[in-house]
């Protein structure tokens, strides 16, 4: 595959969606064909799964059920969108990928999904394929949650299922992402508590150094 796969990760309210769009605009301006996507919800079936996973009561199903649904979405996403785009030489930028499942369902919950189970699900649905670069946007959960809740208040559909969890969950989540970042060279942790413009500049510099 000649394309590149970049994923953005982080807790709630880190500005991932904004930075994904800005990076895509930058790459397109430099002659690179870009496919923007997200998890869950990068395909029509994924949109249905996203409604289940991101809205409603936080306790409507447990961490194991969540992990299985996220990986069902991921399998469809990979087969129908990500791999075909990469095969055509496009760069794919995804707002979340498998590291979010590890962070949310293993590190976030006190009653965790076993890490081995999540690793086996990855092998079963994704195989030995990994992103070329994973940008982890890091922010104090108090700041991030305030941002996310304020933004969601402007939407017709309230995707606040994870935001409604206790603060301990969000601190565990942040610590989880930072632990994950230590496991491979493809990760880069960036402080997200800055202006949109300065954060974008830092991400562009990172992508140029690592991939261009």
N, C-alpha and C. Protein backbone atom coordinates (compact mmCIF):
# COMPACT_ATOMS: atom_id res chain seq x y z
N UNK A 1 0.84 -1.20 0.00
CA UNK A 1 0.00 0.00 0.00
C UNK A 1 0.88 1.25 0.00
N UNK A 2 0.58 2.16 -0.90
CA UNK A 2 1.42 3.34 -1.04
C UNK A 2 0.91 4.55 -0.27
N UNK A 3 -0.31 4.48 0.24
CA UNK A 3 -0.84 5.60 1.01
C UNK A 3 -0.29 5.62 2.42
N UNK A 4 -0.70 6.61 3.17
CA UNK A 4 -0.32 6.72 4.58
C UNK A 4 -1.58 6.76 5.44
N UNK A 5 -1.47 6.18 6.63
CA UNK A 5 -2.61 6.15 7.56
C UNK A 5 -2.23 6.89 8.83
N UNK A 6 -2.91 7.99 9.10
CA UNK A 6 -2.66 8.81 10.29
C UNK A 6 -3.90 8.76 11.17
N UNK A 7 -3.71 8.50 12.44
CA UNK A 7 -4.83 8.49 13.38
C UNK A 7 -4.63 9.54 14.47
N UNK A 8 -5.73 10.10 14.91
CA UNK A 8 -5.73 11.07 16.01
C UNK A 8 -6.46 10.47 17.19
N UNK A 9 -5.84 10.56 18.36
CA UNK A 9 -6.40 9.99 19.58
C UNK A 9 -6.37 11.01 20.72
N UNK A 10 -7.07 10.69 21.78
CA UNK A 10 -7.09 11.56 22.95
C UNK A 10 -8.43 11.51 23.64
N UNK A 11 -8.50 12.11 24.80
CA UNK A 11 -9.74 12.14 25.57
C UNK A 11 -10.75 13.10 24.97
N UNK A 12 -11.80 13.35 25.73
CA UNK A 12 -12.86 14.23 25.26
C UNK A 12 -12.37 15.69 25.22
N UNK A 13 -12.76 16.41 24.17
CA UNK A 13 -12.49 17.85 24.11
C UNK A 13 -11.07 18.24 23.81
N UNK A 14 -10.30 17.36 23.19
CA UNK A 14 -8.90 17.71 22.88
C UNK A 14 -8.76 18.44 21.55
N UNK A 15 -9.84 18.50 20.77
CA UNK A 15 -9.78 19.21 19.50
C UNK A 15 -9.39 18.34 18.32
N UNK A 16 -9.55 17.02 18.46
CA UNK A 16 -9.16 16.10 17.39
C UNK A 16 -9.85 16.40 16.07
N UNK A 17 -11.17 16.55 16.11
CA UNK A 17 -11.93 16.73 14.87
C UNK A 17 -11.48 17.97 14.10
N UNK A 18 -11.23 19.05 14.82
CA UNK A 18 -10.76 20.29 14.18
C UNK A 18 -9.40 20.08 13.55
N UNK A 19 -8.49 19.45 14.29
CA UNK A 19 -7.12 19.26 13.78
C UNK A 19 -7.06 18.26 12.62
N UNK A 20 -7.92 17.27 12.63
CA UNK A 20 -8.00 16.33 11.51
C UNK A 20 -8.35 17.08 10.23
N UNK A 21 -9.35 17.95 10.30
CA UNK A 21 -9.78 18.72 9.13
C UNK A 21 -8.69 19.68 8.65
N UNK A 22 -8.02 20.33 9.59
CA UNK A 22 -6.97 21.29 9.22
C UNK A 22 -5.79 20.58 8.57
N UNK A 23 -5.42 19.43 9.09
CA UNK A 23 -4.32 18.68 8.49
C UNK A 23 -4.69 18.21 7.09
N UNK A 24 -5.93 17.76 6.92
CA UNK A 24 -6.38 17.32 5.60
C UNK A 24 -6.30 18.46 4.60
N UNK A 25 -6.70 19.66 5.01
CA UNK A 25 -6.64 20.82 4.13
C UNK A 25 -5.20 21.14 3.75
N UNK A 26 -4.30 21.05 4.71
CA UNK A 26 -2.88 21.31 4.45
C UNK A 26 -2.32 20.31 3.44
N UNK A 27 -2.60 19.03 3.65
CA UNK A 27 -2.07 17.99 2.76
C UNK A 27 -2.64 18.12 1.36
N UNK A 28 -3.94 18.42 1.26
CA UNK A 28 -4.56 18.60 -0.06
C UNK A 28 -3.93 19.77 -0.79
N UNK A 29 -3.62 20.84 -0.05
CA UNK A 29 -2.99 22.01 -0.65
C UNK A 29 -1.59 21.70 -1.16
N UNK A 30 -1.01 20.61 -0.65
CA UNK A 30 0.32 20.18 -1.09
C UNK A 30 0.26 18.99 -2.04
N UNK A 31 -0.88 18.81 -2.67
CA UNK A 31 -1.01 17.83 -3.73
C UNK A 31 -1.24 16.40 -3.32
N UNK A 32 -1.62 16.18 -2.07
CA UNK A 32 -1.85 14.81 -1.59
C UNK A 32 -3.34 14.53 -1.53
N UNK A 33 -3.76 13.40 -2.09
CA UNK A 33 -5.16 13.00 -2.02
C UNK A 33 -5.45 12.46 -0.62
N UNK A 34 -6.46 13.02 0.04
CA UNK A 34 -6.74 12.69 1.44
C UNK A 34 -8.16 12.18 1.60
N UNK A 35 -8.33 11.12 2.38
CA UNK A 35 -9.64 10.62 2.77
C UNK A 35 -9.79 10.86 4.26
N UNK A 36 -10.81 11.63 4.64
CA UNK A 36 -11.11 11.89 6.05
C UNK A 36 -12.12 10.87 6.55
N UNK A 37 -11.92 10.37 7.75
CA UNK A 37 -12.86 9.40 8.30
C UNK A 37 -12.83 9.46 9.83
N UNK A 38 -13.62 8.60 10.45
CA UNK A 38 -13.68 8.60 11.92
C UNK A 38 -14.17 7.25 12.41
N UNK A 39 -13.90 6.99 13.69
CA UNK A 39 -14.44 5.81 14.36
C UNK A 39 -15.05 6.20 15.70
N UNK A 40 -16.23 5.66 15.99
CA UNK A 40 -17.08 4.91 15.07
C UNK A 40 -17.78 5.87 14.09
N UNK A 41 -18.26 5.33 12.98
CA UNK A 41 -19.08 6.13 12.08
C UNK A 41 -18.49 6.47 10.75
N UNK A 42 -17.42 5.80 10.34
CA UNK A 42 -16.79 6.12 9.07
C UNK A 42 -17.48 5.52 7.85
N UNK A 43 -18.49 4.68 8.08
CA UNK A 43 -19.26 4.06 7.00
C UNK A 43 -20.75 4.19 7.35
N UNK A 44 -21.64 3.94 6.39
CA UNK A 44 -23.07 4.01 6.71
C UNK A 44 -23.48 3.10 7.87
N UNK A 45 -22.98 1.87 7.89
CA UNK A 45 -23.28 0.98 9.01
C UNK A 45 -22.64 1.53 10.29
N UNK A 46 -21.45 2.09 10.13
CA UNK A 46 -20.77 2.69 11.28
C UNK A 46 -21.55 3.82 11.91
N UNK A 47 -22.30 4.56 11.10
CA UNK A 47 -23.14 5.64 11.65
C UNK A 47 -24.20 5.08 12.58
N UNK A 48 -24.75 3.92 12.21
CA UNK A 48 -25.74 3.28 13.08
C UNK A 48 -25.10 2.82 14.39
N UNK A 49 -23.90 2.25 14.29
CA UNK A 49 -23.19 1.81 15.48
C UNK A 49 -22.80 3.00 16.35
N UNK A 50 -22.43 4.12 15.72
CA UNK A 50 -22.05 5.32 16.47
C UNK A 50 -23.22 5.81 17.33
N UNK A 51 -24.41 5.78 16.75
CA UNK A 51 -25.59 6.21 17.51
C UNK A 51 -25.78 5.36 18.76
N UNK A 52 -25.50 4.07 18.65
CA UNK A 52 -25.61 3.17 19.80
C UNK A 52 -24.54 3.47 20.85
N UNK A 53 -23.32 3.72 20.37
CA UNK A 53 -22.17 3.82 21.27
C UNK A 53 -21.99 5.19 21.92
N UNK A 54 -22.42 6.23 21.25
CA UNK A 54 -22.09 7.58 21.70
C UNK A 54 -23.25 8.36 22.31
N UNK A 55 -24.46 7.80 22.24
CA UNK A 55 -25.61 8.50 22.81
C UNK A 55 -26.30 7.61 23.85
N UNK A 56 -27.13 8.23 24.67
CA UNK A 56 -27.90 7.48 25.65
C UNK A 56 -27.20 7.30 26.98
N UNK A 57 -27.74 6.44 27.80
CA UNK A 57 -27.23 6.22 29.15
C UNK A 57 -25.86 5.56 29.14
N UNK A 58 -24.97 6.03 30.00
CA UNK A 58 -23.60 5.52 30.03
C UNK A 58 -23.53 4.06 30.45
N UNK A 59 -24.54 3.56 31.16
CA UNK A 59 -24.52 2.19 31.67
C UNK A 59 -25.42 1.25 30.89
N UNK A 60 -25.80 1.60 29.67
CA UNK A 60 -26.73 0.74 28.93
C UNK A 60 -26.09 -0.57 28.48
N UNK A 61 -24.74 -0.59 28.36
CA UNK A 61 -24.04 -1.86 28.23
C UNK A 61 -22.64 -1.70 28.78
N UNK A 62 -21.97 -2.83 29.04
CA UNK A 62 -20.69 -2.79 29.75
C UNK A 62 -19.51 -2.65 28.78
N UNK A 63 -18.31 -2.67 29.35
CA UNK A 63 -17.09 -2.45 28.57
C UNK A 63 -16.86 -3.54 27.52
N UNK A 64 -17.22 -4.78 27.84
CA UNK A 64 -17.03 -5.88 26.89
C UNK A 64 -17.94 -5.68 25.67
N UNK A 65 -19.20 -5.36 25.92
CA UNK A 65 -20.13 -5.12 24.82
C UNK A 65 -19.65 -3.94 23.97
N UNK A 66 -19.17 -2.90 24.62
CA UNK A 66 -18.64 -1.74 23.89
C UNK A 66 -17.48 -2.15 22.98
N UNK A 67 -16.55 -2.91 23.53
CA UNK A 67 -15.38 -3.31 22.75
C UNK A 67 -15.77 -4.11 21.52
N UNK A 68 -16.73 -5.02 21.69
CA UNK A 68 -17.18 -5.83 20.56
C UNK A 68 -17.84 -4.97 19.48
N UNK A 69 -18.63 -4.00 19.90
CA UNK A 69 -19.29 -3.11 18.93
C UNK A 69 -18.27 -2.22 18.22
N UNK A 70 -17.30 -1.72 18.97
CA UNK A 70 -16.26 -0.90 18.35
C UNK A 70 -15.46 -1.70 17.32
N UNK A 71 -15.18 -2.95 17.63
CA UNK A 71 -14.42 -3.76 16.68
C UNK A 71 -15.27 -4.21 15.49
N UNK A 72 -16.56 -4.36 15.67
CA UNK A 72 -17.43 -4.62 14.53
C UNK A 72 -17.37 -3.42 13.58
N UNK A 73 -17.48 -2.23 14.15
CA UNK A 73 -17.36 -1.01 13.35
C UNK A 73 -16.00 -0.93 12.66
N UNK A 74 -14.95 -1.28 13.38
CA UNK A 74 -13.58 -1.18 12.85
C UNK A 74 -13.36 -2.14 11.68
N UNK A 75 -13.88 -3.34 11.80
CA UNK A 75 -13.73 -4.31 10.71
C UNK A 75 -14.39 -3.79 9.43
N UNK A 76 -15.60 -3.29 9.56
CA UNK A 76 -16.32 -2.75 8.40
C UNK A 76 -15.58 -1.53 7.85
N UNK A 77 -15.11 -0.69 8.73
CA UNK A 77 -14.39 0.53 8.36
C UNK A 77 -13.12 0.20 7.57
N UNK A 78 -12.35 -0.76 8.06
CA UNK A 78 -11.12 -1.15 7.39
C UNK A 78 -11.40 -1.72 6.00
N UNK A 79 -12.36 -2.64 5.92
CA UNK A 79 -12.62 -3.34 4.67
C UNK A 79 -13.28 -2.45 3.62
N UNK A 80 -14.15 -1.57 4.05
CA UNK A 80 -14.93 -0.78 3.10
C UNK A 80 -14.31 0.58 2.77
N UNK A 81 -13.46 1.11 3.66
CA UNK A 81 -13.00 2.48 3.44
C UNK A 81 -11.49 2.64 3.54
N UNK A 82 -10.89 2.24 4.65
CA UNK A 82 -9.48 2.54 4.89
C UNK A 82 -8.56 1.82 3.91
N UNK A 83 -8.65 0.51 3.85
CA UNK A 83 -7.75 -0.26 2.99
C UNK A 83 -7.93 0.06 1.50
N UNK A 84 -9.16 0.18 0.99
CA UNK A 84 -9.31 0.57 -0.41
C UNK A 84 -8.69 1.93 -0.74
N UNK A 85 -8.83 2.89 0.17
CA UNK A 85 -8.26 4.22 -0.06
C UNK A 85 -6.74 4.17 -0.07
N UNK A 86 -6.15 3.44 0.87
CA UNK A 86 -4.70 3.32 0.92
C UNK A 86 -4.16 2.61 -0.32
N UNK A 87 -4.89 1.62 -0.81
CA UNK A 87 -4.47 0.89 -1.99
C UNK A 87 -4.43 1.78 -3.23
N UNK A 88 -5.26 2.82 -3.23
CA UNK A 88 -5.27 3.77 -4.34
C UNK A 88 -4.20 4.85 -4.20
N UNK A 89 -3.47 4.82 -3.09
CA UNK A 89 -2.42 5.80 -2.86
C UNK A 89 -2.85 7.01 -2.06
N UNK A 90 -4.07 7.03 -1.58
CA UNK A 90 -4.56 8.15 -0.78
C UNK A 90 -4.00 8.08 0.64
N UNK A 91 -3.91 9.24 1.27
CA UNK A 91 -3.61 9.30 2.69
C UNK A 91 -4.95 9.28 3.43
N UNK A 92 -5.05 8.46 4.45
CA UNK A 92 -6.27 8.38 5.25
C UNK A 92 -6.00 8.96 6.63
N UNK A 93 -6.84 9.89 7.05
CA UNK A 93 -6.73 10.48 8.38
C UNK A 93 -8.00 10.14 9.14
N UNK A 94 -7.84 9.46 10.27
CA UNK A 94 -9.00 9.00 11.04
C UNK A 94 -9.06 9.66 12.42
N UNK A 95 -10.21 10.18 12.73
CA UNK A 95 -10.51 10.71 14.07
C UNK A 95 -10.87 9.50 14.93
N UNK A 96 -9.88 8.96 15.61
CA UNK A 96 -9.89 7.77 16.47
C UNK A 96 -9.68 6.49 15.67
N UNK A 97 -9.06 5.52 16.37
CA UNK A 97 -8.85 4.18 15.84
C UNK A 97 -8.71 3.24 17.04
N UNK A 98 -7.98 2.16 16.90
CA UNK A 98 -7.96 1.10 17.91
C UNK A 98 -7.37 1.53 19.25
N UNK A 99 -6.49 2.52 19.25
CA UNK A 99 -5.92 2.96 20.54
C UNK A 99 -7.00 3.53 21.46
N UNK A 100 -8.05 4.09 20.88
CA UNK A 100 -9.16 4.58 21.71
C UNK A 100 -9.86 3.42 22.41
N UNK A 101 -10.02 2.30 21.70
CA UNK A 101 -10.66 1.14 22.33
C UNK A 101 -9.83 0.64 23.50
N UNK A 102 -8.52 0.57 23.32
CA UNK A 102 -7.65 0.15 24.41
C UNK A 102 -7.73 1.14 25.58
N UNK A 103 -7.72 2.41 25.28
CA UNK A 103 -7.75 3.42 26.34
C UNK A 103 -9.08 3.44 27.08
N UNK A 104 -10.17 3.42 26.34
CA UNK A 104 -11.50 3.52 26.98
C UNK A 104 -11.92 2.23 27.67
N UNK A 105 -11.77 1.10 26.99
CA UNK A 105 -12.31 -0.14 27.54
C UNK A 105 -11.34 -0.89 28.45
N UNK A 106 -10.06 -0.56 28.37
CA UNK A 106 -9.11 -1.20 29.30
C UNK A 106 -8.68 -0.24 30.40
N UNK A 107 -8.14 0.91 30.03
CA UNK A 107 -7.63 1.83 31.05
C UNK A 107 -8.72 2.64 31.74
N UNK A 108 -9.76 3.01 31.00
CA UNK A 108 -10.78 3.91 31.55
C UNK A 108 -11.62 3.28 32.64
N UNK A 109 -12.15 2.10 32.37
CA UNK A 109 -13.04 1.43 33.32
C UNK A 109 -12.27 0.85 34.50
N UNK A 110 -12.93 0.82 35.64
CA UNK A 110 -12.36 0.10 36.78
C UNK A 110 -12.54 -1.41 36.56
N UNK A 111 -13.69 -1.81 35.98
CA UNK A 111 -13.91 -3.21 35.59
C UNK A 111 -13.51 -3.31 34.12
N UNK A 112 -12.27 -3.67 33.89
CA UNK A 112 -11.68 -3.56 32.57
C UNK A 112 -11.91 -4.80 31.71
N UNK A 113 -11.89 -4.57 30.40
CA UNK A 113 -11.79 -5.67 29.46
C UNK A 113 -10.34 -6.15 29.48
N UNK A 114 -10.07 -7.44 29.60
CA UNK A 114 -8.69 -7.90 29.61
C UNK A 114 -7.93 -7.42 28.37
N UNK A 115 -6.70 -6.97 28.59
CA UNK A 115 -5.90 -6.46 27.48
C UNK A 115 -5.70 -7.52 26.40
N UNK A 116 -5.50 -8.77 26.80
CA UNK A 116 -5.30 -9.85 25.84
C UNK A 116 -6.52 -9.99 24.92
N UNK A 117 -7.72 -9.81 25.47
CA UNK A 117 -8.93 -9.91 24.67
C UNK A 117 -8.95 -8.81 23.60
N UNK A 118 -8.58 -7.59 23.99
CA UNK A 118 -8.55 -6.49 23.04
C UNK A 118 -7.48 -6.71 21.96
N UNK A 119 -6.36 -7.26 22.37
CA UNK A 119 -5.30 -7.55 21.40
C UNK A 119 -5.73 -8.64 20.41
N UNK A 120 -6.45 -9.64 20.90
CA UNK A 120 -6.95 -10.70 20.02
C UNK A 120 -8.01 -10.16 19.06
N UNK A 121 -8.86 -9.27 19.56
CA UNK A 121 -9.86 -8.66 18.69
C UNK A 121 -9.19 -7.85 17.58
N UNK A 122 -8.10 -7.18 17.92
CA UNK A 122 -7.37 -6.42 16.91
C UNK A 122 -6.83 -7.35 15.82
N UNK A 123 -6.21 -8.44 16.24
CA UNK A 123 -5.64 -9.39 15.28
C UNK A 123 -6.73 -9.98 14.39
N UNK A 124 -7.88 -10.27 14.99
CA UNK A 124 -8.98 -10.88 14.26
C UNK A 124 -9.57 -9.93 13.21
N UNK A 125 -9.68 -8.66 13.55
CA UNK A 125 -10.39 -7.71 12.68
C UNK A 125 -9.47 -6.85 11.82
N UNK A 126 -8.25 -6.57 12.30
CA UNK A 126 -7.34 -5.68 11.59
C UNK A 126 -6.11 -6.42 11.07
N UNK A 127 -5.67 -7.43 11.81
CA UNK A 127 -4.49 -8.19 11.40
C UNK A 127 -3.21 -7.57 11.91
N UNK A 128 -2.18 -7.52 11.05
CA UNK A 128 -0.89 -6.96 11.47
C UNK A 128 -0.67 -5.56 10.90
N UNK A 129 -1.75 -4.91 10.55
CA UNK A 129 -1.70 -3.56 10.00
C UNK A 129 -1.80 -2.53 11.13
N UNK A 130 -0.95 -1.47 11.05
CA UNK A 130 -0.97 -0.41 12.06
C UNK A 130 -0.84 0.95 11.38
N UNK A 131 -1.29 2.02 12.04
CA UNK A 131 -1.12 3.35 11.47
C UNK A 131 0.36 3.70 11.28
N UNK A 132 0.62 4.58 10.33
CA UNK A 132 1.98 5.09 10.12
C UNK A 132 2.33 6.11 11.19
N UNK A 133 1.34 6.84 11.65
CA UNK A 133 1.54 7.87 12.67
C UNK A 133 0.27 8.00 13.49
N UNK A 134 0.42 8.04 14.81
CA UNK A 134 -0.71 8.27 15.71
C UNK A 134 -0.41 9.48 16.57
N UNK A 135 -1.23 10.51 16.40
CA UNK A 135 -1.08 11.75 17.17
C UNK A 135 -2.02 11.68 18.36
N UNK A 136 -1.45 11.72 19.56
CA UNK A 136 -2.26 11.71 20.78
C UNK A 136 -2.30 13.14 21.32
N UNK A 137 -3.48 13.73 21.30
CA UNK A 137 -3.66 15.08 21.84
C UNK A 137 -3.98 14.97 23.32
N UNK A 138 -3.17 15.60 24.13
CA UNK A 138 -3.26 15.46 25.58
C UNK A 138 -3.73 16.75 26.23
N UNK A 139 -4.67 16.63 27.16
CA UNK A 139 -5.18 17.80 27.87
C UNK A 139 -5.71 17.39 29.24
N UNK A 140 -5.71 18.31 30.18
CA UNK A 140 -6.31 18.08 31.50
C UNK A 140 -7.79 17.72 31.28
N UNK A 141 -8.26 16.60 31.83
CA UNK A 141 -9.65 16.19 31.62
C UNK A 141 -10.69 17.24 32.02
N UNK A 142 -10.38 18.02 33.03
CA UNK A 142 -11.33 19.06 33.46
C UNK A 142 -11.55 20.06 32.32
N UNK A 143 -10.46 20.45 31.68
CA UNK A 143 -10.55 21.42 30.57
C UNK A 143 -11.21 20.77 29.37
N UNK A 144 -10.79 19.57 29.04
CA UNK A 144 -11.33 18.89 27.88
C UNK A 144 -12.82 18.62 27.98
N UNK A 145 -13.28 18.17 29.15
CA UNK A 145 -14.70 17.89 29.33
C UNK A 145 -15.53 19.15 29.20
N UNK A 146 -15.05 20.24 29.78
CA UNK A 146 -15.78 21.52 29.67
C UNK A 146 -15.93 21.92 28.21
N UNK A 147 -14.86 21.76 27.44
CA UNK A 147 -14.91 22.07 26.01
C UNK A 147 -15.93 21.18 25.30
N UNK A 148 -15.86 19.88 25.56
CA UNK A 148 -16.70 18.92 24.86
C UNK A 148 -18.17 19.12 25.17
N UNK A 149 -18.49 19.35 26.43
CA UNK A 149 -19.88 19.55 26.83
C UNK A 149 -20.43 20.83 26.21
N UNK A 150 -19.62 21.88 26.18
CA UNK A 150 -20.06 23.14 25.56
C UNK A 150 -20.31 22.96 24.07
N UNK A 151 -19.45 22.21 23.41
CA UNK A 151 -19.61 21.98 21.97
C UNK A 151 -20.84 21.12 21.69
N UNK A 152 -21.03 20.07 22.49
CA UNK A 152 -22.18 19.18 22.28
C UNK A 152 -23.51 19.90 22.49
N UNK A 153 -23.50 20.92 23.31
CA UNK A 153 -24.75 21.64 23.57
C UNK A 153 -25.29 22.34 22.33
N UNK A 154 -24.44 22.51 21.32
CA UNK A 154 -24.87 23.16 20.09
C UNK A 154 -25.38 22.16 19.05
N UNK A 155 -25.29 20.86 19.34
CA UNK A 155 -25.69 19.83 18.39
C UNK A 155 -27.11 19.35 18.65
N UNK A 156 -27.78 18.93 17.58
CA UNK A 156 -29.12 18.37 17.71
C UNK A 156 -29.06 17.02 18.43
N UNK A 157 -28.11 16.16 18.02
CA UNK A 157 -27.91 14.86 18.66
C UNK A 157 -26.81 15.01 19.72
N UNK A 158 -27.14 14.67 20.95
CA UNK A 158 -26.19 14.82 22.05
C UNK A 158 -25.33 13.56 22.21
N UNK A 159 -24.07 13.63 21.74
CA UNK A 159 -23.16 12.50 21.86
C UNK A 159 -22.34 12.66 23.15
N UNK A 160 -23.02 12.49 24.27
CA UNK A 160 -22.38 12.76 25.56
C UNK A 160 -22.33 11.53 26.47
N UNK A 161 -22.44 10.35 25.88
CA UNK A 161 -22.45 9.15 26.71
C UNK A 161 -21.17 8.99 27.51
N UNK A 162 -20.02 9.24 26.89
CA UNK A 162 -18.76 9.12 27.61
C UNK A 162 -18.50 10.35 28.49
N UNK A 163 -18.92 11.51 28.03
CA UNK A 163 -18.72 12.72 28.84
C UNK A 163 -19.43 12.62 30.18
N UNK A 164 -20.52 11.85 30.24
CA UNK A 164 -21.31 11.75 31.47
C UNK A 164 -20.67 10.84 32.52
N UNK A 165 -19.55 10.21 32.19
CA UNK A 165 -18.90 9.34 33.17
C UNK A 165 -18.18 10.17 34.24
N UNK A 166 -17.92 9.53 35.36
CA UNK A 166 -17.28 10.20 36.49
C UNK A 166 -15.87 10.67 36.10
N UNK A 167 -15.37 11.67 36.82
CA UNK A 167 -14.08 12.26 36.50
C UNK A 167 -12.93 11.24 36.61
N UNK A 168 -13.07 10.28 37.51
CA UNK A 168 -12.03 9.25 37.65
C UNK A 168 -11.81 8.52 36.34
N UNK A 169 -12.90 8.24 35.63
CA UNK A 169 -12.81 7.56 34.33
C UNK A 169 -11.94 8.37 33.38
N UNK A 170 -12.14 9.67 33.33
CA UNK A 170 -11.43 10.52 32.38
C UNK A 170 -9.95 10.69 32.76
N UNK A 171 -9.66 10.69 34.06
CA UNK A 171 -8.25 10.73 34.48
C UNK A 171 -7.57 9.40 34.13
N UNK A 172 -8.28 8.28 34.34
CA UNK A 172 -7.74 6.98 33.94
C UNK A 172 -7.49 6.93 32.44
N UNK A 173 -8.42 7.51 31.69
CA UNK A 173 -8.32 7.54 30.24
C UNK A 173 -7.07 8.29 29.78
N UNK A 174 -6.86 9.44 30.37
CA UNK A 174 -5.67 10.23 30.01
C UNK A 174 -4.39 9.45 30.32
N UNK A 175 -4.33 8.86 31.51
CA UNK A 175 -3.16 8.07 31.89
C UNK A 175 -2.97 6.90 30.94
N UNK A 176 -4.07 6.32 30.49
CA UNK A 176 -4.00 5.20 29.56
C UNK A 176 -3.39 5.59 28.23
N UNK A 177 -3.83 6.71 27.68
CA UNK A 177 -3.26 7.17 26.41
C UNK A 177 -1.75 7.44 26.55
N UNK A 178 -1.34 8.01 27.67
CA UNK A 178 0.08 8.29 27.87
C UNK A 178 0.88 7.00 28.01
N UNK A 179 0.28 5.97 28.60
CA UNK A 179 0.95 4.67 28.68
C UNK A 179 1.06 4.04 27.30
N UNK A 180 -0.01 4.10 26.55
CA UNK A 180 -0.02 3.55 25.19
C UNK A 180 1.07 4.20 24.34
N UNK A 181 1.26 5.50 24.52
CA UNK A 181 2.23 6.25 23.71
C UNK A 181 3.66 5.76 23.88
N UNK A 182 3.93 5.06 24.97
CA UNK A 182 5.28 4.57 25.24
C UNK A 182 5.59 3.25 24.52
N UNK A 183 4.59 2.67 23.89
CA UNK A 183 4.75 1.30 23.40
C UNK A 183 5.28 1.18 21.98
N UNK A 184 5.30 2.27 21.21
CA UNK A 184 5.78 2.18 19.82
C UNK A 184 6.23 3.55 19.33
N UNK A 185 7.11 3.55 18.34
CA UNK A 185 7.64 4.80 17.80
C UNK A 185 6.63 5.59 16.98
N UNK A 186 5.54 4.94 16.58
CA UNK A 186 4.57 5.64 15.73
C UNK A 186 3.76 6.70 16.49
N UNK A 187 3.87 6.70 17.81
CA UNK A 187 3.08 7.64 18.61
C UNK A 187 3.81 8.98 18.79
N UNK A 188 3.01 10.05 18.89
CA UNK A 188 3.53 11.37 19.24
C UNK A 188 2.49 12.04 20.13
N UNK A 189 2.89 12.44 21.33
CA UNK A 189 2.00 13.12 22.27
C UNK A 189 2.20 14.62 22.13
N UNK A 190 1.10 15.34 21.96
CA UNK A 190 1.16 16.79 21.80
C UNK A 190 0.22 17.44 22.81
N UNK A 191 0.71 18.46 23.49
CA UNK A 191 -0.11 19.23 24.43
C UNK A 191 -1.19 19.97 23.65
N UNK A 192 -2.46 19.67 23.94
CA UNK A 192 -3.57 20.26 23.19
C UNK A 192 -4.13 21.53 23.82
N UNK A 193 -3.56 21.95 24.94
CA UNK A 193 -4.06 23.14 25.62
C UNK A 193 -3.39 24.40 25.05
N UNK A 194 -3.69 24.69 23.80
CA UNK A 194 -3.12 25.85 23.12
C UNK A 194 -4.09 26.28 22.02
N UNK A 195 -3.76 27.33 21.31
CA UNK A 195 -4.66 27.81 20.28
C UNK A 195 -4.76 26.80 19.14
N UNK A 196 -5.86 26.86 18.40
CA UNK A 196 -6.06 25.98 17.26
C UNK A 196 -4.92 26.13 16.27
N UNK A 197 -4.51 27.37 16.02
CA UNK A 197 -3.49 27.65 15.03
C UNK A 197 -2.13 27.09 15.44
N UNK A 198 -1.74 27.31 16.68
CA UNK A 198 -0.43 26.83 17.12
C UNK A 198 -0.39 25.32 17.20
N UNK A 199 -1.51 24.71 17.56
CA UNK A 199 -1.59 23.25 17.60
C UNK A 199 -1.47 22.69 16.19
N UNK A 200 -2.14 23.31 15.24
CA UNK A 200 -2.06 22.88 13.85
C UNK A 200 -0.63 22.98 13.34
N UNK A 201 0.05 24.08 13.65
CA UNK A 201 1.44 24.26 13.20
C UNK A 201 2.33 23.14 13.74
N UNK A 202 2.10 22.77 15.00
CA UNK A 202 2.92 21.71 15.60
C UNK A 202 2.65 20.36 14.94
N UNK A 203 1.40 20.11 14.60
CA UNK A 203 1.04 18.85 13.94
C UNK A 203 1.62 18.79 12.54
N UNK A 204 1.55 19.89 11.81
CA UNK A 204 2.13 19.94 10.46
C UNK A 204 3.63 19.67 10.52
N UNK A 205 4.30 20.27 11.47
CA UNK A 205 5.74 20.05 11.62
C UNK A 205 6.03 18.57 11.89
N UNK A 206 5.23 17.97 12.75
CA UNK A 206 5.39 16.55 13.07
C UNK A 206 5.20 15.68 11.83
N UNK A 207 4.15 15.93 11.07
CA UNK A 207 3.87 15.13 9.88
C UNK A 207 4.96 15.30 8.83
N UNK A 208 5.45 16.51 8.67
CA UNK A 208 6.53 16.75 7.71
C UNK A 208 7.79 15.98 8.12
N UNK A 209 8.10 15.98 9.41
CA UNK A 209 9.30 15.30 9.89
C UNK A 209 9.17 13.78 9.78
N UNK A 210 7.99 13.26 10.07
CA UNK A 210 7.83 11.80 10.13
C UNK A 210 7.49 11.19 8.77
N UNK A 211 6.67 11.87 7.95
CA UNK A 211 6.09 11.22 6.78
C UNK A 211 6.39 11.88 5.44
N UNK A 212 6.82 13.12 5.43
CA UNK A 212 7.05 13.81 4.14
C UNK A 212 8.54 13.93 3.84
